[in-house]
PDB file of N, CA and C in Angstrom:
ATOM      1  N   MET A   1      -0.164  23.172  -0.808  1.00  0.00           N
ATOM      2  CA  MET A   1      -0.544  22.220  -1.821  1.00  0.00           C
ATOM      3  C   MET A   1       0.659  21.809  -2.671  1.00  0.00           C
ATOM      4  N   SER A   2       1.534  22.762  -2.950  1.00  0.00           N
ATOM      5  CA  SER A   2       2.715  22.433  -3.751  1.00  0.00           C
ATOM      6  C   SER A   2       3.656  21.497  -2.991  1.00  0.00           C
ATOM      7  N   SER A   3       3.709  21.633  -1.663  1.00  0.00           N
ATOM      8  CA  SER A   3       4.564  20.731  -0.891  1.00  0.00           C
ATOM      9  C   SER A   3       4.001  19.309  -0.924  1.00  0.00           C
ATOM     10  N   LEU A   4       2.685  19.173  -0.962  1.00  0.00           N
ATOM     11  CA  LEU A   4       2.071  17.849  -1.072  1.00  0.00           C
ATOM     12  C   LEU A   4       2.382  17.232  -2.432  1.00  0.00           C
ATOM     13  N   LYS A   5       2.293  18.028  -3.493  1.00  0.00           N
ATOM     14  CA  LYS A   5       2.627  17.538  -4.831  1.00  0.00           C
ATOM     15  C   LYS A   5       4.092  17.140  -4.921  1.00  0.00           C
ATOM     16  N   ARG A   6       4.951  17.921  -4.277  1.00  0.00           N
ATOM     17  CA  ARG A   6       6.382  17.616  -4.285  1.00  0.00           C
ATOM     18  C   ARG A   6       6.642  16.307  -3.538  1.00  0.00           C
ATOM     19  N   PHE A   7       5.972  16.114  -2.406  1.00  0.00           N
ATOM     20  CA  PHE A   7       6.137  14.879  -1.640  1.00  0.00           C
ATOM     21  C   PHE A   7       5.684  13.671  -2.452  1.00  0.00           C
ATOM     22  N   VAL A   8       4.524  13.800  -3.113  1.00  0.00           N
ATOM     23  CA  VAL A   8       4.010  12.702  -3.936  1.00  0.00           C
ATOM     24  C   VAL A   8       4.976  12.397  -5.075  1.00  0.00           C
ATOM     25  N   GLY A   9       5.546  13.430  -5.688  1.00  0.00           N
ATOM     26  CA  GLY A   9       6.498  13.223  -6.768  1.00  0.00           C
ATOM     27  C   GLY A   9       7.796  12.579  -6.315  1.00  0.00           C
ATOM     28  N   GLN A  10       8.226  12.908  -5.113  1.00  0.00           N
ATOM     29  CA  GLN A  10       9.490  12.368  -4.599  1.00  0.00           C
ATOM     30  C   GLN A  10       9.322  10.975  -3.998  1.00  0.00           C
ATOM     31  N   HIS A  11       8.136  10.659  -3.498  1.00  0.00           N
ATOM     32  CA  HIS A  11       7.902   9.392  -2.811  1.00  0.00           C
ATOM     33  C   HIS A  11       6.634   8.705  -3.338  1.00  0.00           C
ATOM     34  N   PRO A  12       6.641   8.261  -4.584  1.00  0.00           N
ATOM     35  CA  PRO A  12       5.407   7.680  -5.134  1.00  0.00           C
ATOM     36  C   PRO A  12       4.982   6.371  -4.473  1.00  0.00           C
ATOM     37  N   ARG A  13       5.940   5.545  -4.095  1.00  0.00           N
ATOM     38  CA  ARG A  13       5.563   4.266  -3.466  1.00  0.00           C
ATOM     39  C   ARG A  13       5.027   4.476  -2.058  1.00  0.00           C
ATOM     40  N   LEU A  14       5.631   5.369  -1.315  1.00  0.00           N
ATOM     41  CA  LEU A  14       5.141   5.658   0.024  1.00  0.00           C
ATOM     42  C   LEU A  14       3.734   6.243  -0.039  1.00  0.00           C
ATOM     43  N   THR A  15       3.498   7.104  -1.013  1.00  0.00           N
ATOM     44  CA  THR A  15       2.172   7.684  -1.197  1.00  0.00           C
ATOM     45  C   THR A  15       1.164   6.611  -1.586  1.00  0.00           C
ATOM     46  N   ALA A  16       1.546   5.728  -2.492  1.00  0.00           N
ATOM     47  CA  ALA A  16       0.654   4.641  -2.898  1.00  0.00           C
ATOM     48  C   ALA A  16       0.333   3.743  -1.715  1.00  0.00           C
ATOM     49  N   TRP A  17       1.332   3.464  -0.881  1.00  0.00           N
ATOM     50  CA  TRP A  17       1.125   2.645   0.305  1.00  0.00           C
ATOM     51  C   TRP A  17       0.139   3.321   1.247  1.00  0.00           C
ATOM     52  N   LEU A  18       0.327   4.591   1.475  1.00  0.00           N
ATOM     53  CA  LEU A  18      -0.556   5.331   2.379  1.00  0.00           C
ATOM     54  C   LEU A  18      -1.993   5.332   1.870  1.00  0.00           C
ATOM     55  N   VAL A  19      -2.180   5.637   0.602  1.00  0.00           N
ATOM     56  CA  VAL A  19      -3.535   5.697   0.033  1.00  0.00           C
ATOM     57  C   VAL A  19      -4.184   4.320   0.037  1.00  0.00           C
ATOM     58  N   LEU A  20      -3.443   3.293  -0.379  1.00  0.00           N
ATOM     59  CA  LEU A  20      -3.987   1.943  -0.396  1.00  0.00           C
ATOM     60  C   LEU A  20      -4.309   1.459   1.011  1.00  0.00           C
ATOM     61  N   ALA A  21      -3.426   1.737   1.961  1.00  0.00           N
ATOM     62  CA  ALA A  21      -3.657   1.309   3.345  1.00  0.00           C
ATOM     63  C   ALA A  21      -4.898   1.980   3.927  1.00  0.00           C
ATOM     64  N   ILE A  22      -5.068   3.263   3.679  1.00  0.00           N
ATOM     65  CA  ILE A  22      -6.250   3.958   4.189  1.00  0.00           C
ATOM     66  C   ILE A  22      -7.514   3.347   3.599  1.00  0.00           C
ATOM     67  N   GLY A  23      -7.510   3.125   2.292  1.00  0.00           N
ATOM     68  CA  GLY A  23      -8.670   2.516   1.652  1.00  0.00           C
ATOM     69  C   GLY A  23      -8.978   1.127   2.177  1.00  0.00           C
ATOM     70  N   MET A  24      -7.939   0.324   2.355  1.00  0.00           N
ATOM     71  CA  MET A  24      -8.141  -1.042   2.835  1.00  0.00           C
ATOM     72  C   MET A  24      -8.625  -1.061   4.282  1.00  0.00           C
ATOM     73  N   VAL A  25      -8.102  -0.167   5.112  1.00  0.00           N
ATOM     74  CA  VAL A  25      -8.545  -0.108   6.510  1.00  0.00           C
ATOM     75  C   VAL A  25      -9.999   0.356   6.589  1.00  0.00           C
ATOM     76  N   VAL A  26     -10.361   1.324   5.768  1.00  0.00           N
ATOM     77  CA  VAL A  26     -11.762   1.776   5.755  1.00  0.00           C
ATOM     78  C   VAL A  26     -12.685   0.618   5.367  1.00  0.00           C
ATOM     79  N   ILE A  27     -12.311  -0.135   4.335  1.00  0.00           N
ATOM     80  CA  ILE A  27     -13.125  -1.275   3.917  1.00  0.00           C
ATOM     81  C   ILE A  27     -13.184  -2.324   5.025  1.00  0.00           C
ATOM     82  N   LEU A  28     -12.065  -2.588   5.683  1.00  0.00           N
ATOM     83  CA  LEU A  28     -12.022  -3.549   6.783  1.00  0.00           C
ATOM     84  C   LEU A  28     -12.952  -3.147   7.907  1.00  0.00           C
ATOM     85  N   VAL A  29     -12.850  -1.892   8.335  1.00  0.00           N
ATOM     86  CA  VAL A  29     -13.672  -1.415   9.453  1.00  0.00           C
ATOM     87  C   VAL A  29     -15.147  -1.465   9.075  1.00  0.00           C
ATOM     88  N   TRP A  30     -15.471  -1.056   7.861  1.00  0.00           N
ATOM     89  CA  TRP A  30     -16.867  -1.051   7.438  1.00  0.00           C
ATOM     90  C   TRP A  30     -17.414  -2.482   7.330  1.00  0.00           C
ATOM     91  N   SER A  31     -16.589  -3.392   6.817  1.00  0.00           N
ATOM     92  CA  SER A  31     -17.043  -4.772   6.635  1.00  0.00           C
ATOM     93  C   SER A  31     -17.190  -5.522   7.953  1.00  0.00           C
ATOM     94  N   ALA A  32     -16.337  -5.243   8.921  1.00  0.00           N
ATOM     95  CA  ALA A  32     -16.316  -6.013  10.164  1.00  0.00           C
ATOM     96  C   ALA A  32     -16.885  -5.238  11.352  1.00  0.00           C
ATOM     97  N   ARG A  33     -17.636  -4.192  11.088  1.00  0.00           N
ATOM     98  CA  ARG A  33     -18.133  -3.353  12.188  1.00  0.00           C
ATOM     99  C   ARG A  33     -19.094  -4.075  13.114  1.00  0.00           C
ATOM    100  N   ASP A  34     -19.812  -5.063  12.641  1.00  0.00           N
ATOM    101  CA  ASP A  34     -20.807  -5.761  13.459  1.00  0.00           C
ATOM    102  C   ASP A  34     -20.339  -7.129  13.941  1.00  0.00           C
ATOM    103  N   VAL A  35     -19.070  -7.414  13.818  1.00  0.00           N
ATOM    104  CA  VAL A  35     -18.556  -8.726  14.179  1.00  0.00           C
ATOM    105  C   VAL A  35     -18.336  -8.855  15.681  1.00  0.00           C
ATOM    106  N   GLY A  36     -18.047  -7.758  16.343  1.00  0.00           N
ATOM    107  CA  GLY A  36     -17.831  -7.800  17.782  1.00  0.00           C
ATOM    108  C   GLY A  36     -16.405  -8.120  18.171  1.00  0.00           C
ATOM    109  N   LEU A  37     -15.459  -7.589  17.449  1.00  0.00           N
ATOM    110  CA  LEU A  37     -14.048  -7.834  17.743  1.00  0.00           C
ATOM    111  C   LEU A  37     -13.606  -7.020  18.950  1.00  0.00           C
ATOM    112  N   LEU A  38     -12.639  -7.555  19.663  1.00  0.00           N
ATOM    113  CA  LEU A  38     -12.043  -6.850  20.791  1.00  0.00           C
ATOM    114  C   LEU A  38     -11.026  -5.834  20.276  1.00  0.00           C
ATOM    115  N   PRO A  39     -10.688  -4.826  21.098  1.00  0.00           N
ATOM    116  CA  PRO A  39      -9.732  -3.808  20.634  1.00  0.00           C
ATOM    117  C   PRO A  39      -8.397  -4.378  20.164  1.00  0.00           C
ATOM    118  N   GLY A  40      -7.882  -5.379  20.834  1.00  0.00           N
ATOM    119  CA  GLY A  40      -6.630  -6.004  20.418  1.00  0.00           C
ATOM    120  C   GLY A  40      -6.757  -6.691  19.073  1.00  0.00           C
ATOM    121  N   GLN A  41      -7.907  -7.290  18.834  1.00  0.00           N
ATOM    122  CA  GLN A  41      -8.142  -7.935  17.542  1.00  0.00           C
ATOM    123  C   GLN A  41      -8.246  -6.898  16.427  1.00  0.00           C
ATOM    124  N   TRP A  42      -8.914  -5.778  16.710  1.00  0.00           N
ATOM    125  CA  TRP A  42      -8.986  -4.686  15.738  1.00  0.00           C
ATOM    126  C   TRP A  42      -7.585  -4.190  15.400  1.00  0.00           C
ATOM    127  N   ALA A  43      -6.780  -3.984  16.430  1.00  0.00           N
ATOM    128  CA  ALA A  43      -5.424  -3.470  16.220  1.00  0.00           C
ATOM    129  C   ALA A  43      -4.614  -4.438  15.362  1.00  0.00           C
ATOM    130  N   ALA A  44      -4.704  -5.723  15.652  1.00  0.00           N
ATOM    131  CA  ALA A  44      -3.961  -6.718  14.884  1.00  0.00           C
ATOM    132  C   ALA A  44      -4.419  -6.743  13.429  1.00  0.00           C
ATOM    133  N   LEU A  45      -5.713  -6.683  13.205  1.00  0.00           N
ATOM    134  CA  LEU A  45      -6.225  -6.676  11.834  1.00  0.00           C
ATOM    135  C   LEU A  45      -5.797  -5.427  11.074  1.00  0.00           C
ATOM    136  N   ILE A  46      -5.826  -4.292  11.744  1.00  0.00           N
ATOM    137  CA  ILE A  46      -5.442  -3.045  11.087  1.00  0.00           C
ATOM    138  C   ILE A  46      -3.955  -3.049  10.749  1.00  0.00           C
ATOM    139  N   VAL A  47      -3.121  -3.512  11.666  1.00  0.00           N
ATOM    140  CA  VAL A  47      -1.679  -3.588  11.408  1.00  0.00           C
ATOM    141  C   VAL A  47      -1.396  -4.562  10.264  1.00  0.00           C
ATOM    142  N   ALA A  48      -2.073  -5.700  10.270  1.00  0.00           N
ATOM    143  CA  ALA A  48      -1.886  -6.675   9.189  1.00  0.00           C
ATOM    144  C   ALA A  48      -2.341  -6.102   7.847  1.00  0.00           C
ATOM    145  N   THR A  49      -3.420  -5.340   7.860  1.00  0.00           N
ATOM    146  CA  THR A  49      -3.928  -4.735   6.628  1.00  0.00           C
ATOM    147  C   THR A  49      -2.952  -3.699   6.087  1.00  0.00           C
ATOM    148  N   ILE A  50      -2.375  -2.907   6.957  1.00  0.00           N
ATOM    149  CA  ILE A  50      -1.386  -1.911   6.539  1.00  0.00           C
ATOM    150  C   ILE A  50      -0.146  -2.607   5.967  1.00  0.00           C
ATOM    151  N   GLY A  51       0.277  -3.676   6.605  1.00  0.00           N
ATOM    152  CA  GLY A  51       1.408  -4.449   6.087  1.00  0.00           C
ATOM    153  C   GLY A  51       1.103  -5.072   4.736  1.00  0.00           C
ATOM    154  N   LEU A  52      -0.107  -5.580   4.571  1.00  0.00           N
ATOM    155  CA  LEU A  52      -0.509  -6.156   3.292  1.00  0.00           C
ATOM    156  C   LEU A  52      -0.518  -5.095   2.198  1.00  0.00           C
ATOM    157  N   ALA A  53      -0.980  -3.902   2.521  1.00  0.00           N
ATOM    158  CA  ALA A  53      -0.964  -2.814   1.537  1.00  0.00           C
ATOM    159  C   ALA A  53       0.470  -2.502   1.112  1.00  0.00           C
ATOM    160  N   GLY A  54       1.387  -2.499   2.064  1.00  0.00           N
ATOM    161  CA  GLY A  54       2.796  -2.268   1.743  1.00  0.00           C
ATOM    162  C   GLY A  54       3.363  -3.353   0.839  1.00  0.00           C
ATOM    163  N   LEU A  55       3.017  -4.603   1.123  1.00  0.00           N
ATOM    164  CA  LEU A  55       3.480  -5.705   0.274  1.00  0.00           C
ATOM    165  C   LEU A  55       2.914  -5.589  -1.140  1.00  0.00           C
ATOM    166  N   CYS A  56       1.657  -5.183  -1.245  1.00  0.00           N
ATOM    167  CA  CYS A  56       1.049  -5.012  -2.571  1.00  0.00           C
ATOM    168  C   CYS A  56       1.784  -3.950  -3.378  1.00  0.00           C
ATOM    169  N   VAL A  57       2.074  -2.824  -2.752  1.00  0.00           N
ATOM    170  CA  VAL A  57       2.789  -1.753  -3.450  1.00  0.00           C
ATOM    171  C   VAL A  57       4.187  -2.211  -3.824  1.00  0.00           C
ATOM    172  N   TRP A  58       4.843  -2.946  -2.943  1.00  0.00           N
ATOM    173  CA  TRP A  58       6.187  -3.443  -3.218  1.00  0.00           C
ATOM    174  C   TRP A  58       6.174  -4.401  -4.406  1.00  0.00           C
ATOM    175  N   ILE A  59       5.209  -5.321  -4.432  1.00  0.00           N
ATOM    176  CA  ILE A  59       5.126  -6.289  -5.528  1.00  0.00           C
ATOM    177  C   ILE A  59       4.812  -5.588  -6.839  1.00  0.00           C
ATOM    178  N   ILE A  60       3.892  -4.639  -6.810  1.00  0.00           N
ATOM    179  CA  ILE A  60       3.571  -3.887  -8.022  1.00  0.00           C
ATOM    180  C   ILE A  60       4.807  -3.124  -8.503  1.00  0.00           C
ATOM    181  N   GLY A  61       5.642  -2.669  -7.590  1.00  0.00           N
ATOM    182  CA  GLY A  61       6.853  -1.943  -7.938  1.00  0.00           C
ATOM    183  C   GLY A  61       7.901  -2.791  -8.634  1.00  0.00           C
ATOM    184  N   TRP A  62       7.806  -4.121  -8.538  1.00  0.00           N
ATOM    185  CA  TRP A  62       8.761  -4.982  -9.219  1.00  0.00           C
ATOM    186  C   TRP A  62       8.735  -4.714 -10.714  1.00  0.00           C
ATOM    187  N   GLU A  63       7.561  -4.500 -11.277  1.00  0.00           N
ATOM    188  CA  GLU A  63       7.449  -4.255 -12.707  1.00  0.00           C
ATOM    189  C   GLU A  63       8.156  -2.957 -13.088  1.00  0.00           C
ATOM    190  N   ASP A  64       8.031  -1.938 -12.262  1.00  0.00           N
ATOM    191  CA  ASP A  64       8.711  -0.671 -12.527  1.00  0.00           C
ATOM    192  C   ASP A  64      10.220  -0.846 -12.506  1.00  0.00           C
ATOM    193  N   GLU A  65      10.723  -1.637 -11.559  1.00  0.00           N
ATOM    194  CA  GLU A  65      12.160  -1.868 -11.457  1.00  0.00           C
ATOM    195  C   GLU A  65      12.681  -2.591 -12.691  1.00  0.00           C
ATOM    196  N   GLU A  66      11.914  -3.539 -13.213  1.00  0.00           N
ATOM    197  CA  GLU A  66      12.337  -4.273 -14.400  1.00  0.00           C
ATOM    198  C   GLU A  66      12.395  -3.352 -15.607  1.00  0.00           C
ATOM    199  N   GLU A  67      11.450  -2.425 -15.724  1.00  0.00           N
ATOM    200  CA  GLU A  67      11.448  -1.490 -16.839  1.00  0.00           C
ATOM    201  C   GLU A  67      12.625  -0.531 -16.752  1.00  0.00           C
ATOM    202  N   GLU A  68      12.996  -0.123 -15.531  1.00  0.00           N
ATOM    203  CA  GLU A  68      14.112   0.792 -15.347  1.00  0.00           C
ATOM    204  C   GLU A  68      15.451   0.137 -15.682  1.00  0.00           C
ATOM    205  N   GLU A  69      15.542  -1.166 -15.514  1.00  0.00           N
ATOM    206  CA  GLU A  69      16.780  -1.879 -15.793  1.00  0.00           C
ATOM    207  C   GLU A  69      17.012  -2.056 -17.289  1.00  0.00           C
ATOM    208  N   GLY A  70      16.050  -1.715 -18.098  1.00  0.00           N
ATOM    209  CA  GLY A  70      16.238  -1.801 -19.545  1.00  0.00           C
ATOM    210  C   GLY A  70      15.724  -3.059 -20.171  1.00  0.00           C
ATOM    211  N   GLY A  71      14.911  -3.813 -19.457  1.00  0.00           N
ATOM    212  CA  GLY A  71      14.306  -5.016 -20.037  1.00  0.00           C
ATOM    213  C   GLY A  71      15.297  -6.138 -20.242  1.00  0.00           C
ATOM    214  N   GLU A  72      16.193  -6.375 -19.300  1.00  0.00           N
ATOM    215  CA  GLU A  72      17.172  -7.450 -19.428  1.00  0.00           C
ATOM    216  C   GLU A  72      16.467  -8.790 -19.377  1.00  0.00           C
ATOM    217  N   GLY A  73      17.089  -9.793 -19.972  1.00  0.00           N
ATOM    218  CA  GLY A  73      16.574 -11.142 -19.881  1.00  0.00           C
ATOM    219  C   GLY A  73      15.744 -11.551 -21.064  1.00  0.00           C
ATOM    220  N   GLY A  74      16.371 -11.702 -22.234  1.00  0.00           N
ATOM    221  CA  GLY A  74      15.655 -12.196 -23.390  1.00  0.00           C
ATOM    222  C   GLY A  74      15.293 -11.135 -24.397  1.00  0.00           C
ATOM    223  N   LYS A  75      15.456  -9.909 -24.104  1.00  0.00           N
ATOM    224  CA  LYS A  75      15.121  -8.841 -25.052  1.00  0.00           C
ATOM    225  C   LYS A  75      16.417  -8.201 -25.550  1.00  0.00           C
ATOM    226  N   GLU A  76      17.175  -8.968 -26.295  1.00  0.00           N
ATOM    227  CA  GLU A  76      18.465  -8.464 -26.769  1.00  0.00           C
ATOM    228  C   GLU A  76      18.392  -8.025 -28.195  1.00  0.00           C
TER     229      GLU A  76
END
């Protein structure tokens, strides 16, 4: 358990990506379970969903990067 906490502390964005991607894929599978998609279509949707989760975490991280830089740009 301590190694999991250490990993989360060292890699917060990767952890956020993993958790968000799992949640989004679960919602995708549950929502589209009766649509009748082919295996290749499922794979493409799941890969796209995982990529979207990564982009979301990356965009949310922009705010953290701005705070770490000291609030440059108009706050003098």
